[in-house]
Amino acid sequence: MAKLKVKTNRSVAKRFKITGSGKILHKKSGKRHLLVKKTRKRKRELGKYKEVFKGFYSHVRESMPYHF
C-alpha cells in the first residue's frame, strides 16, 4: 500500500519562516495602515520577525509537514 502524502497548507507556509535551528518566526502585525500616528522606532520594530509562541509550534508543524 502506498504511503499517503500530506499537503502543505500554503497560507501557513507563506506566513511563517523556519530557521536553521528549527525556530518558527512570523512577521509582527500592525504595519499595514494607520502608519502616520506611529513613531519611526515603532514602525521599524514592527518590520522585524518574532518567534512564535511555543504553544503554537505543533499547529504550524502539522500544516507544514515537509519543512522540518
PDB file of N, CA and C in Angstrom:
ATOM      1  N   MET A   1       0.840  -1.186   0.000  1.00  0.00           N
ATOM      2  CA  MET A   1       0.000   0.000   0.000  1.00  0.00           C
ATOM      3  C   MET A   1       0.887   1.253   0.000  1.00  0.00           C
ATOM      4  N   ALA A   2       0.531   2.208  -0.818  1.00  0.00           N
ATOM      5  CA  ALA A   2       1.324   3.434  -0.948  1.00  0.00           C
ATOM      6  C   ALA A   2       1.133   4.338   0.261  1.00  0.00           C
ATOM      7  N   LYS A   3       2.208   5.012   0.619  1.00  0.00           N
ATOM      8  CA  LYS A   3       2.154   5.952   1.736  1.00  0.00           C
ATOM      9  C   LYS A   3       1.483   7.250   1.252  1.00  0.00           C
ATOM     10  N   LEU A   4       0.549   7.757   2.031  1.00  0.00           N
ATOM     11  CA  LEU A   4      -0.172   8.965   1.636  1.00  0.00           C
ATOM     12  C   LEU A   4       0.666  10.206   1.867  1.00  0.00           C
ATOM     13  N   LYS A   5       0.620  11.111   0.912  1.00  0.00           N
ATOM     14  CA  LYS A   5       1.301  12.379   1.073  1.00  0.00           C
ATOM     15  C   LYS A   5       0.351  13.341   1.784  1.00  0.00           C
ATOM     16  N   VAL A   6       0.932  14.241   2.558  1.00  0.00           N
ATOM     17  CA  VAL A   6       0.143  15.249   3.255  1.00  0.00           C
ATOM     18  C   VAL A   6       0.421  16.578   2.583  1.00  0.00           C
ATOM     19  N   LYS A   7      -0.628  17.316   2.263  1.00  0.00           N
ATOM     20  CA  LYS A   7      -0.438  18.599   1.604  1.00  0.00           C
ATOM     21  C   LYS A   7       0.004  19.659   2.606  1.00  0.00           C
ATOM     22  N   THR A   8       0.888  20.536   2.150  1.00  0.00           N
ATOM     23  CA  THR A   8       1.301  21.683   2.945  1.00  0.00           C
ATOM     24  C   THR A   8       0.220  22.742   2.833  1.00  0.00           C
ATOM     25  N   ASN A   9      -0.138  23.333   3.953  1.00  0.00           N
ATOM     26  CA  ASN A   9      -1.096  24.440   3.940  1.00  0.00           C
ATOM     27  C   ASN A   9      -0.347  25.667   3.428  1.00  0.00           C
ATOM     28  N   ARG A  10      -0.665  26.112   2.231  1.00  0.00           N
ATOM     29  CA  ARG A  10       0.089  27.175   1.576  1.00  0.00           C
ATOM     30  C   ARG A  10      -0.024  28.514   2.313  1.00  0.00           C
ATOM     31  N   SER A  11      -1.163  28.790   2.915  1.00  0.00           N
ATOM     32  CA  SER A  11      -1.299  30.055   3.640  1.00  0.00           C
ATOM     33  C   SER A  11      -0.371  30.083   4.858  1.00  0.00           C
ATOM     34  N   VAL A  12      -0.202  28.948   5.507  1.00  0.00           N
ATOM     35  CA  VAL A  12       0.706  28.857   6.656  1.00  0.00           C
ATOM     36  C   VAL A  12       2.154  28.967   6.180  1.00  0.00           C
ATOM     37  N   ALA A  13       2.470  28.325   5.061  1.00  0.00           N
ATOM     38  CA  ALA A  13       3.833  28.355   4.529  1.00  0.00           C
ATOM     39  C   ALA A  13       4.263  29.770   4.170  1.00  0.00           C
ATOM     40  N   LYS A  14       3.318  30.595   3.750  1.00  0.00           N
ATOM     41  CA  LYS A  14       3.639  31.976   3.396  1.00  0.00           C
ATOM     42  C   LYS A  14       3.773  32.869   4.622  1.00  0.00           C
ATOM     43  N   ARG A  15       3.104  32.530   5.694  1.00  0.00           N
ATOM     44  CA  ARG A  15       3.107  33.378   6.892  1.00  0.00           C
ATOM     45  C   ARG A  15       4.254  33.102   7.851  1.00  0.00           C
ATOM     46  N   PHE A  16       4.791  31.894   7.824  1.00  0.00           N
ATOM     47  CA  PHE A  16       5.811  31.516   8.792  1.00  0.00           C
ATOM     48  C   PHE A  16       7.119  31.147   8.100  1.00  0.00           C
ATOM     49  N   LYS A  17       8.220  31.314   8.833  1.00  0.00           N
ATOM     50  CA  LYS A  17       9.562  31.072   8.320  1.00  0.00           C
ATOM     51  C   LYS A  17      10.273  30.189   9.341  1.00  0.00           C
ATOM     52  N   ILE A  18      10.952  29.153   8.866  1.00  0.00           N
ATOM     53  CA  ILE A  18      11.654  28.249   9.771  1.00  0.00           C
ATOM     54  C   ILE A  18      13.159  28.507   9.657  1.00  0.00           C
ATOM     55  N   THR A  19      13.810  28.705  10.789  1.00  0.00           N
ATOM     56  CA  THR A  19      15.249  28.954  10.800  1.00  0.00           C
ATOM     57  C   THR A  19      16.001  27.626  10.728  1.00  0.00           C
ATOM     58  N   GLY A  20      17.300  27.703  10.567  1.00  0.00           N
ATOM     59  CA  GLY A  20      18.121  26.506  10.502  1.00  0.00           C
ATOM     60  C   GLY A  20      18.105  25.714  11.788  1.00  0.00           C
ATOM     61  N   SER A  21      17.938  26.415  12.914  1.00  0.00           N
ATOM     62  CA  SER A  21      17.915  25.728  14.213  1.00  0.00           C
ATOM     63  C   SER A  21      16.527  25.198  14.561  1.00  0.00           C
ATOM     64  N   GLY A  22      15.522  25.474  13.702  1.00  0.00           N
ATOM     65  CA  GLY A  22      14.188  24.933  13.923  1.00  0.00           C
ATOM     66  C   GLY A  22      13.194  25.881  14.569  1.00  0.00           C
ATOM     67  N   LYS A  23      13.595  27.130  14.794  1.00  0.00           N
ATOM     68  CA  LYS A  23      12.652  28.099  15.361  1.00  0.00           C
ATOM     69  C   LYS A  23      11.658  28.512  14.286  1.00  0.00           C
ATOM     70  N   ILE A  24      10.443  28.843  14.696  1.00  0.00           N
ATOM     71  CA  ILE A  24       9.421  29.305  13.768  1.00  0.00           C
ATOM     72  C   ILE A  24       9.231  30.799  14.010  1.00  0.00           C
ATOM     73  N   LEU A  25       9.352  31.572  12.937  1.00  0.00           N
ATOM     74  CA  LEU A  25       9.229  33.022  13.044  1.00  0.00           C
ATOM     75  C   LEU A  25       8.021  33.512  12.260  1.00  0.00           C
ATOM     76  N   HIS A  26       7.510  34.677  12.656  1.00  0.00           N
ATOM     77  CA  HIS A  26       6.430  35.317  11.920  1.00  0.00           C
ATOM     78  C   HIS A  26       6.627  36.823  11.956  1.00  0.00           C
ATOM     79  N   LYS A  27       6.035  37.508  10.988  1.00  0.00           N
ATOM     80  CA  LYS A  27       6.119  38.962  10.944  1.00  0.00           C
ATOM     81  C   LYS A  27       5.156  39.532  11.982  1.00  0.00           C
ATOM     82  N   LYS A  28       5.506  40.658  12.558  1.00  0.00           N
ATOM     83  CA  LYS A  28       4.640  41.308  13.538  1.00  0.00           C
ATOM     84  C   LYS A  28       3.490  42.003  12.811  1.00  0.00           C
ATOM     85  N   SER A  29       2.381  42.088  13.473  1.00  0.00           N
ATOM     86  CA  SER A  29       1.223  42.749  12.875  1.00  0.00           C
ATOM     87  C   SER A  29       1.251  44.239  13.178  1.00  0.00           C
ATOM     88  N   GLY A  30       0.474  45.006  12.429  1.00  0.00           N
ATOM     89  CA  GLY A  30       0.324  46.426  12.710  1.00  0.00           C
ATOM     90  C   GLY A  30       1.099  47.350  11.805  1.00  0.00           C
ATOM     91  N   LYS A  31       1.588  46.842  10.675  1.00  0.00           N
ATOM     92  CA  LYS A  31       2.351  47.717   9.784  1.00  0.00           C
ATOM     93  C   LYS A  31       1.712  47.823   8.403  1.00  0.00           C
ATOM     94  N   ARG A  32       0.402  47.706   8.337  1.00  0.00           N
ATOM     95  CA  ARG A  32      -0.311  47.775   7.061  1.00  0.00           C
ATOM     96  C   ARG A  32      -0.911  49.146   6.800  1.00  0.00           C
ATOM     97  N   HIS A  33      -1.514  49.731   7.813  1.00  0.00           N
ATOM     98  CA  HIS A  33      -2.169  51.032   7.625  1.00  0.00           C
ATOM     99  C   HIS A  33      -2.143  51.797   8.946  1.00  0.00           C
ATOM    100  N   LEU A  34      -2.611  53.033   8.923  1.00  0.00           N
ATOM    101  CA  LEU A  34      -2.582  53.936  10.083  1.00  0.00           C
ATOM    102  C   LEU A  34      -1.147  54.134  10.578  1.00  0.00           C
ATOM    103  N   LEU A  35      -0.233  54.337   9.634  1.00  0.00           N
ATOM    104  CA  LEU A  35       1.178  54.441   9.984  1.00  0.00           C
ATOM    105  C   LEU A  35       1.611  55.859  10.353  1.00  0.00           C
ATOM    106  N   VAL A  36       0.786  56.851  10.039  1.00  0.00           N
ATOM    107  CA  VAL A  36       1.154  58.246  10.309  1.00  0.00           C
ATOM    108  C   VAL A  36       1.303  58.498  11.797  1.00  0.00           C
ATOM    109  N   LYS A  37       0.431  57.907  12.585  1.00  0.00           N
ATOM    110  CA  LYS A  37       0.477  58.160  14.032  1.00  0.00           C
ATOM    111  C   LYS A  37       1.493  57.306  14.790  1.00  0.00           C
ATOM    112  N   LYS A  38       2.130  56.364  14.114  1.00  0.00           N
ATOM    113  CA  LYS A  38       3.119  55.502  14.770  1.00  0.00           C
ATOM    114  C   LYS A  38       4.515  56.106  14.610  1.00  0.00           C
ATOM    115  N   THR A  39       5.324  55.978  15.633  1.00  0.00           N
ATOM    116  CA  THR A  39       6.665  56.547  15.598  1.00  0.00           C
ATOM    117  C   THR A  39       7.570  55.742  14.667  1.00  0.00           C
ATOM    118  N   ARG A  40       8.668  56.365  14.256  1.00  0.00           N
ATOM    119  CA  ARG A  40       9.632  55.680  13.383  1.00  0.00           C
ATOM    120  C   ARG A  40      10.154  54.425  14.049  1.00  0.00           C
ATOM    121  N   LYS A  41      10.469  54.543  15.314  1.00  0.00           N
ATOM    122  CA  LYS A  41      11.012  53.411  16.057  1.00  0.00           C
ATOM    123  C   LYS A  41      10.016  52.249  16.085  1.00  0.00           C
ATOM    124  N   ARG A  42       8.762  52.572  16.346  1.00  0.00           N
ATOM    125  CA  ARG A  42       7.731  51.533  16.414  1.00  0.00           C
ATOM    126  C   ARG A  42       7.550  50.840  15.066  1.00  0.00           C
ATOM    127  N   LYS A  43       7.532  51.632  13.988  1.00  0.00           N
ATOM    128  CA  LYS A  43       7.384  51.051  12.655  1.00  0.00           C
ATOM    129  C   LYS A  43       8.589  50.185  12.287  1.00  0.00           C
ATOM    130  N   ARG A  44       9.763  50.618  12.691  1.00  0.00           N
ATOM    131  CA  ARG A  44      10.983  49.853  12.426  1.00  0.00           C
ATOM    132  C   ARG A  44      10.941  48.510  13.152  1.00  0.00           C
ATOM    133  N   GLU A  45      10.503  48.518  14.391  1.00  0.00           N
ATOM    134  CA  GLU A  45      10.398  47.287  15.179  1.00  0.00           C
ATOM    135  C   GLU A  45       9.322  46.352  14.624  1.00  0.00           C
ATOM    136  N   LEU A  46       8.242  46.927  14.086  1.00  0.00           N
ATOM    137  CA  LEU A  46       7.170  46.104  13.528  1.00  0.00           C
ATOM    138  C   LEU A  46       7.606  45.379  12.256  1.00  0.00           C
ATOM    139  N   GLY A  47       8.649  45.849  11.613  1.00  0.00           N
ATOM    140  CA  GLY A  47       9.131  45.225  10.386  1.00  0.00           C
ATOM    141  C   GLY A  47       9.923  43.959  10.620  1.00  0.00           C
ATOM    142  N   LYS A  48      10.313  43.701  11.841  1.00  0.00           N
ATOM    143  CA  LYS A  48      11.163  42.550  12.146  1.00  0.00           C
ATOM    144  C   LYS A  48      10.346  41.276  12.364  1.00  0.00           C
ATOM    145  N   TYR A  49      11.055  40.153  12.342  1.00  0.00           N
ATOM    146  CA  TYR A  49      10.427  38.866  12.623  1.00  0.00           C
ATOM    147  C   TYR A  49      10.460  38.581  14.116  1.00  0.00           C
ATOM    148  N   LYS A  50       9.489  37.819  14.592  1.00  0.00           N
ATOM    149  CA  LYS A  50       9.388  37.466  16.004  1.00  0.00           C
ATOM    150  C   LYS A  50       9.155  35.963  16.098  1.00  0.00           C
ATOM    151  N   GLU A  51       9.665  35.354  17.158  1.00  0.00           N
ATOM    152  CA  GLU A  51       9.463  33.916  17.320  1.00  0.00           C
ATOM    153  C   GLU A  51       8.024  33.624  17.734  1.00  0.00           C
ATOM    154  N   VAL A  52       7.485  32.548  17.190  1.00  0.00           N
ATOM    155  CA  VAL A  52       6.123  32.121  17.502  1.00  0.00           C
ATOM    156  C   VAL A  52       6.091  31.569  18.923  1.00  0.00           C
ATOM    157  N   PHE A  53       4.981  31.780  19.619  1.00  0.00           N
ATOM    158  CA  PHE A  53       4.775  31.235  20.955  1.00  0.00           C
ATOM    159  C   PHE A  53       4.888  29.718  20.886  1.00  0.00           C
ATOM    160  N   LYS A  54       5.624  29.124  21.816  1.00  0.00           N
ATOM    161  CA  LYS A  54       5.920  27.677  21.790  1.00  0.00           C
ATOM    162  C   LYS A  54       4.661  26.813  21.729  1.00  0.00           C
ATOM    163  N   GLY A  55       3.570  27.286  22.301  1.00  0.00           N
ATOM    164  CA  GLY A  55       2.325  26.518  22.302  1.00  0.00           C
ATOM    165  C   GLY A  55       1.733  26.328  20.915  1.00  0.00           C
ATOM    166  N   PHE A  56       2.136  27.168  19.945  1.00  0.00           N
ATOM    167  CA  PHE A  56       1.607  27.079  18.587  1.00  0.00           C
ATOM    168  C   PHE A  56       2.495  26.263  17.642  1.00  0.00           C
ATOM    169  N   TYR A  57       3.661  25.838  18.129  1.00  0.00           N
ATOM    170  CA  TYR A  57       4.584  25.097  17.277  1.00  0.00           C
ATOM    171  C   TYR A  57       3.934  23.859  16.661  1.00  0.00           C
ATOM    172  N   SER A  58       3.176  23.123  17.464  1.00  0.00           N
ATOM    173  CA  SER A  58       2.581  21.879  16.952  1.00  0.00           C
ATOM    174  C   SER A  58       1.588  22.160  15.823  1.00  0.00           C
ATOM    175  N   HIS A  59       0.844  23.258  15.920  1.00  0.00           N
ATOM    176  CA  HIS A  59      -0.130  23.604  14.877  1.00  0.00           C
ATOM    177  C   HIS A  59       0.572  23.943  13.561  1.00  0.00           C
ATOM    178  N   VAL A  60       1.655  24.704  13.672  1.00  0.00           N
ATOM    179  CA  VAL A  60       2.398  25.087  12.466  1.00  0.00           C
ATOM    180  C   VAL A  60       3.068  23.863  11.851  1.00  0.00           C
ATOM    181  N   ARG A  61       3.615  22.985  12.689  1.00  0.00           N
ATOM    182  CA  ARG A  61       4.281  21.772  12.189  1.00  0.00           C
ATOM    183  C   ARG A  61       3.312  20.862  11.436  1.00  0.00           C
ATOM    184  N   GLU A  62       2.084  20.761  11.935  1.00  0.00           N
ATOM    185  CA  GLU A  62       1.076  19.934  11.258  1.00  0.00           C
ATOM    186  C   GLU A  62       0.765  20.482   9.874  1.00  0.00           C
ATOM    187  N   SER A  63       0.735  21.810   9.753  1.00  0.00           N
ATOM    188  CA  SER A  63       0.384  22.444   8.495  1.00  0.00           C
ATOM    189  C   SER A  63       1.526  22.462   7.496  1.00  0.00           C
ATOM    190  N   MET A  64       2.764  22.297   7.995  1.00  0.00           N
ATOM    191  CA  MET A  64       3.941  22.321   7.127  1.00  0.00           C
ATOM    192  C   MET A  64       4.776  21.058   7.348  1.00  0.00           C
ATOM    193  N   PRO A  65       4.276  19.900   6.934  1.00  0.00           N
ATOM    194  CA  PRO A  65       4.941  18.638   7.267  1.00  0.00           C
ATOM    195  C   PRO A  65       6.318  18.436   6.652  1.00  0.00           C
ATOM    196  N   TYR A  66       6.616  19.075   5.528  1.00  0.00           N
ATOM    197  CA  TYR A  66       7.886  18.823   4.841  1.00  0.00           C
ATOM    198  C   TYR A  66       8.911  19.922   5.044  1.00  0.00           C
ATOM    199  N   HIS A  67       8.653  20.840   5.950  1.00  0.00           N
ATOM    200  CA  HIS A  67       9.564  21.959   6.175  1.00  0.00           C
ATOM    201  C   HIS A  67      10.455  21.767   7.399  1.00  0.00           C
ATOM    202  N   PHE A  68      10.348  20.612   8.056  1.00  0.00           N
ATOM    203  CA  PHE A  68      11.140  20.382   9.268  1.00  0.00           C
ATOM    204  C   PHE A  68      12.078  19.210   9.091  1.00  0.00           C
TER     205      PHE A  68
END
